[in-house]
Amino acid sequence: MAVPAAADTKGAVLRMDSVLFRLRLVSSREQAKRACENGIVELNGKVAKPSSSVRSGDLIRVRFTDEDLRFTLTELPRKSMSKTSARSCYAVTASNAVERG
């Protein structure tokens, strides 16, 4: 049984650090904040701040140490979601392993 996401009404927004945490891409909002401050998170092609407003339909890129993940947010995640349920809130557009040399 799928857990419904937050209602996507016109103008609904969440902070970038909150979105990354709610999607279970990072383990805490503090970790999401640091990722934004270190420039590894982009929102619609621009470096995102932790307080950047995120809406359904936005393109997000996160450059993890071992993966470059790009996805489109299909719906805003609820406050409390399992990792499996959170995956239904975004569509991966590109995911590449980062080569280490």
Foldseek 3Di string as FASTA:
>chain_A
DADDFPDADPPDWDFQLQQCCLLVVDVHSVVSQVQLVVQQKDWQRHRGHRRDIDHQQIWMWGDDPFKIWIKGQNHGGHNDDDNVNSVVRIDTPDMDTDDDD
